[in-house]
C-alpha atoms as a PDB file:
ATOM      1  CA  MET A   1      26.343 -76.181 -41.265  1.00  0.00           C
ATOM      2  CA  LYS A   2      27.526 -74.521 -44.470  1.00  0.00           C
ATOM      3  CA  LEU A   3      29.367 -71.346 -45.403  1.00  0.00           C
ATOM      4  CA  VAL A   4      28.015 -69.603 -48.494  1.00  0.00           C
ATOM      5  CA  ILE A   5      30.519 -67.241 -50.089  1.00  0.00           C
ATOM      6  CA  ALA A   6      28.762 -65.024 -52.627  1.00  0.00           C
ATOM      7  CA  ILE A   7      30.626 -62.591 -54.887  1.00  0.00           C
ATOM      8  CA  VAL A   8      28.284 -60.020 -56.449  1.00  0.00           C
ATOM      9  CA  GLN A   9      28.713 -56.800 -58.377  1.00  0.00           C
ATOM     10  CA  LYS A  10      28.718 -53.759 -56.088  1.00  0.00           C
ATOM     11  CA  GLU A  11      25.613 -52.376 -57.830  1.00  0.00           C
ATOM     12  CA  ASP A  12      23.613 -55.325 -56.453  1.00  0.00           C
ATOM     13  CA  SER A  13      25.085 -55.429 -52.956  1.00  0.00           C
ATOM     14  CA  ASN A  14      22.786 -52.991 -51.125  1.00  0.00           C
ATOM     15  CA  LYS A  15      19.535 -54.559 -52.306  1.00  0.00           C
ATOM     16  CA  LEU A  16      20.933 -58.011 -51.558  1.00  0.00           C
ATOM     17  CA  GLN A  17      21.920 -56.907 -48.064  1.00  0.00           C
ATOM     18  CA  ARG A  18      18.417 -55.501 -47.454  1.00  0.00           C
ATOM     19  CA  GLU A  19      16.918 -58.808 -48.594  1.00  0.00           C
ATOM     20  CA  PHE A  20      19.180 -60.709 -46.194  1.00  0.00           C
ATOM     21  CA  VAL A  21      18.019 -58.487 -43.302  1.00  0.00           C
ATOM     22  CA  LYS A  22      14.374 -58.881 -44.335  1.00  0.00           C
ATOM     23  CA  ASN A  23      14.759 -62.683 -44.285  1.00  0.00           C
ATOM     24  CA  ASN A  24      16.735 -62.748 -41.006  1.00  0.00           C
ATOM     25  CA  ILE A  25      19.908 -63.999 -42.703  1.00  0.00           C
ATOM     26  CA  ARG A  26      23.123 -62.886 -41.044  1.00  0.00           C
ATOM     27  CA  ALA A  27      25.863 -62.013 -43.512  1.00  0.00           C
ATOM     28  CA  THR A  28      29.300 -60.451 -43.361  1.00  0.00           C
ATOM     29  CA  LYS A  29      29.867 -57.972 -46.188  1.00  0.00           C
ATOM     30  CA  LEU A  30      33.363 -57.418 -47.602  1.00  0.00           C
ATOM     31  CA  ALA A  31      34.434 -54.930 -50.276  1.00  0.00           C
ATOM     32  CA  THR A  32      36.459 -56.808 -52.903  1.00  0.00           C
ATOM     33  CA  THR A  33      37.892 -56.204 -56.365  1.00  0.00           C
ATOM     34  CA  GLY A  34      37.561 -58.508 -59.349  1.00  0.00           C
ATOM     35  CA  GLY A  35      40.749 -59.605 -61.059  1.00  0.00           C
ATOM     36  CA  PHE A  36      39.699 -59.529 -64.724  1.00  0.00           C
ATOM     37  CA  LEU A  37      38.084 -56.080 -64.957  1.00  0.00           C
ATOM     38  CA  SER A  38      39.505 -54.671 -61.698  1.00  0.00           C
ATOM     39  CA  GLN A  39      36.030 -53.448 -60.790  1.00  0.00           C
ATOM     40  CA  GLY A  40      34.447 -53.285 -57.358  1.00  0.00           C
ATOM     41  CA  ASN A  41      32.618 -56.325 -56.086  1.00  0.00           C
ATOM     42  CA  THR A  42      31.088 -57.261 -52.778  1.00  0.00           C
ATOM     43  CA  THR A  43      31.676 -60.603 -51.133  1.00  0.00           C
ATOM     44  CA  PHE A  44      29.123 -61.866 -48.643  1.00  0.00           C
ATOM     45  CA  MET A  45      29.952 -64.645 -46.194  1.00  0.00           C
ATOM     46  CA  ILE A  46      26.871 -66.378 -44.792  1.00  0.00           C
ATOM     47  CA  GLY A  47      26.945 -69.160 -42.231  1.00  0.00           C
ATOM     48  CA  THR A  48      23.713 -71.140 -42.380  1.00  0.00           C
ATOM     49  CA  ASP A  49      22.135 -74.486 -41.592  1.00  0.00           C
ATOM     50  CA  ASP A  50      22.219 -77.104 -44.342  1.00  0.00           C
ATOM     51  CA  ASN A  51      18.457 -76.924 -44.847  1.00  0.00           C
ATOM     52  CA  LYS A  52      18.550 -73.135 -45.484  1.00  0.00           C
ATOM     53  CA  VAL A  53      21.304 -73.090 -48.107  1.00  0.00           C
ATOM     54  CA  GLN A  54      18.860 -73.197 -51.029  1.00  0.00           C
ATOM     55  CA  ASP A  55      16.853 -70.303 -49.558  1.00  0.00           C
ATOM     56  CA  VAL A  56      20.032 -68.217 -49.336  1.00  0.00           C
ATOM     57  CA  LEU A  57      21.034 -69.116 -52.902  1.00  0.00           C
ATOM     58  CA  ASP A  58      17.541 -68.274 -54.195  1.00  0.00           C
ATOM     59  CA  ILE A  59      17.747 -64.796 -52.627  1.00  0.00           C
ATOM     60  CA  ILE A  60      21.192 -64.223 -54.125  1.00  0.00           C
ATOM     61  CA  LYS A  61      20.015 -65.364 -57.553  1.00  0.00           C
ATOM     62  CA  LYS A  62      16.937 -63.124 -57.429  1.00  0.00           C
ATOM     63  CA  GLN A  63      18.842 -60.001 -56.371  1.00  0.00           C
ATOM     64  CA  SER A  64      21.981 -60.367 -58.527  1.00  0.00           C
ATOM     65  CA  ARG A  65      21.439 -59.253 -62.104  1.00  0.00           C
ATOM     66  CA  SER A  66      23.616 -59.750 -65.157  1.00  0.00           C
ATOM     67  CA  ARG A  67      24.016 -56.705 -67.380  1.00  0.00           C
ATOM     68  CA  GLU A  68      25.830 -55.725 -70.555  1.00  0.00           C
ATOM     69  CA  GLU A  69      28.663 -53.179 -70.378  1.00  0.00           C
ATOM     70  CA  LEU A  70      30.877 -51.638 -73.017  1.00  0.00           C
ATOM     71  CA  ILE A  71      34.498 -51.684 -71.840  1.00  0.00           C
ATOM     72  CA  GLN A  72      37.855 -50.672 -73.272  1.00  0.00           C
ATOM     73  CA  PRO A  73      40.127 -53.638 -72.567  1.00  0.00           C
ATOM     74  CA  SER A  74      43.732 -52.951 -71.675  1.00  0.00           C
ATOM     75  CA  MET A  75      46.790 -55.021 -72.429  1.00  0.00           C
ATOM     76  CA  VAL A  76      47.127 -55.632 -68.698  1.00  0.00           C
ATOM     77  CA  THR A  77      43.837 -57.555 -68.465  1.00  0.00           C
ATOM     78  CA  THR A  78      43.879 -59.278 -71.856  1.00  0.00           C
ATOM     79  CA  GLY A  79      47.526 -59.661 -72.847  1.00  0.00           C
ATOM     80  CA  TYR A  80      46.589 -58.360 -76.323  1.00  0.00           C
ATOM     81  CA  GLU A  81      46.286 -54.870 -77.723  1.00  0.00           C
ATOM     82  CA  ILE A  82      42.608 -54.280 -78.564  1.00  0.00           C
ATOM     83  CA  SER A  83      41.602 -50.815 -79.748  1.00  0.00           C
ATOM     84  CA  GLN A  84      37.828 -51.308 -80.017  1.00  0.00           C
ATOM     85  CA  PRO A  85      35.507 -51.311 -77.003  1.00  0.00           C
ATOM     86  CA  VAL A  86      34.077 -54.742 -76.252  1.00  0.00           C
ATOM     87  CA  ASN A  87      30.545 -55.551 -75.095  1.00  0.00           C
ATOM     88  CA  ILE A  88      30.672 -57.973 -72.162  1.00  0.00           C
ATOM     89  CA  THR A  89      28.244 -59.452 -69.662  1.00  0.00           C
ATOM     90  CA  VAL A  90      28.964 -58.523 -66.046  1.00  0.00           C
ATOM     91  CA  GLY A  91      27.126 -59.089 -62.819  1.00  0.00           C
ATOM     92  CA  GLY A  92      25.229 -62.033 -61.569  1.00  0.00           C
ATOM     93  CA  ALA A  93      26.783 -63.886 -58.671  1.00  0.00           C
ATOM     94  CA  THR A  94      29.478 -66.442 -58.090  1.00  0.00           C
ATOM     95  CA  CYS A  95      28.717 -68.603 -55.071  1.00  0.00           C
ATOM     96  CA  PHE A  96      30.694 -71.200 -53.188  1.00  0.00           C
ATOM     97  CA  VAL A  97      29.055 -73.485 -50.649  1.00  0.00           C
ATOM     98  CA  VAL A  98      31.532 -75.134 -48.321  1.00  0.00           C
ATOM     99  CA  PRO A  99      31.048 -77.387 -45.300  1.00  0.00           C
ATOM    100  CA  VAL A 100      31.776 -75.926 -41.869  1.00  0.00           C
ATOM    101  CA  ASP A 101      32.978 -78.157 -39.036  1.00  0.00           C
ATOM    102  CA  GLU A 102      32.233 -75.632 -36.329  1.00  0.00           C
ATOM    103  CA  PHE A 103      30.458 -72.282 -36.144  1.00  0.00           C
ATOM    104  CA  LYS A 104      30.662 -69.983 -33.114  1.00  0.00           C
ATOM    105  CA  ARG A 105      28.990 -66.643 -32.550  1.00  0.00           C
ATOM    106  CA  PHE A 106      30.317 -64.500 -29.679  1.00  0.00           C
END
């Protein structure tokens, strides 16, 4: 048994959730905030059998898109004073797969 923790941009969360439902994957959805840009994210926690981990990761990869955004950095996030907007890549997914000793559903 594994726990997949997937952090995705909030723009991708609804279509990812629909894909989980379509593929009979149970997931807990949490609203979270990223530290660097202080933007909204969604964290999904998915308990799954070892042999289904790759299927879950494939769905996350397919539904989580990277995109370019123009941001105005602040001294709080960078530590430096930058006056020009910066083009950065946001989105995609960050996933952690961790072993689970026991999994109960009540």
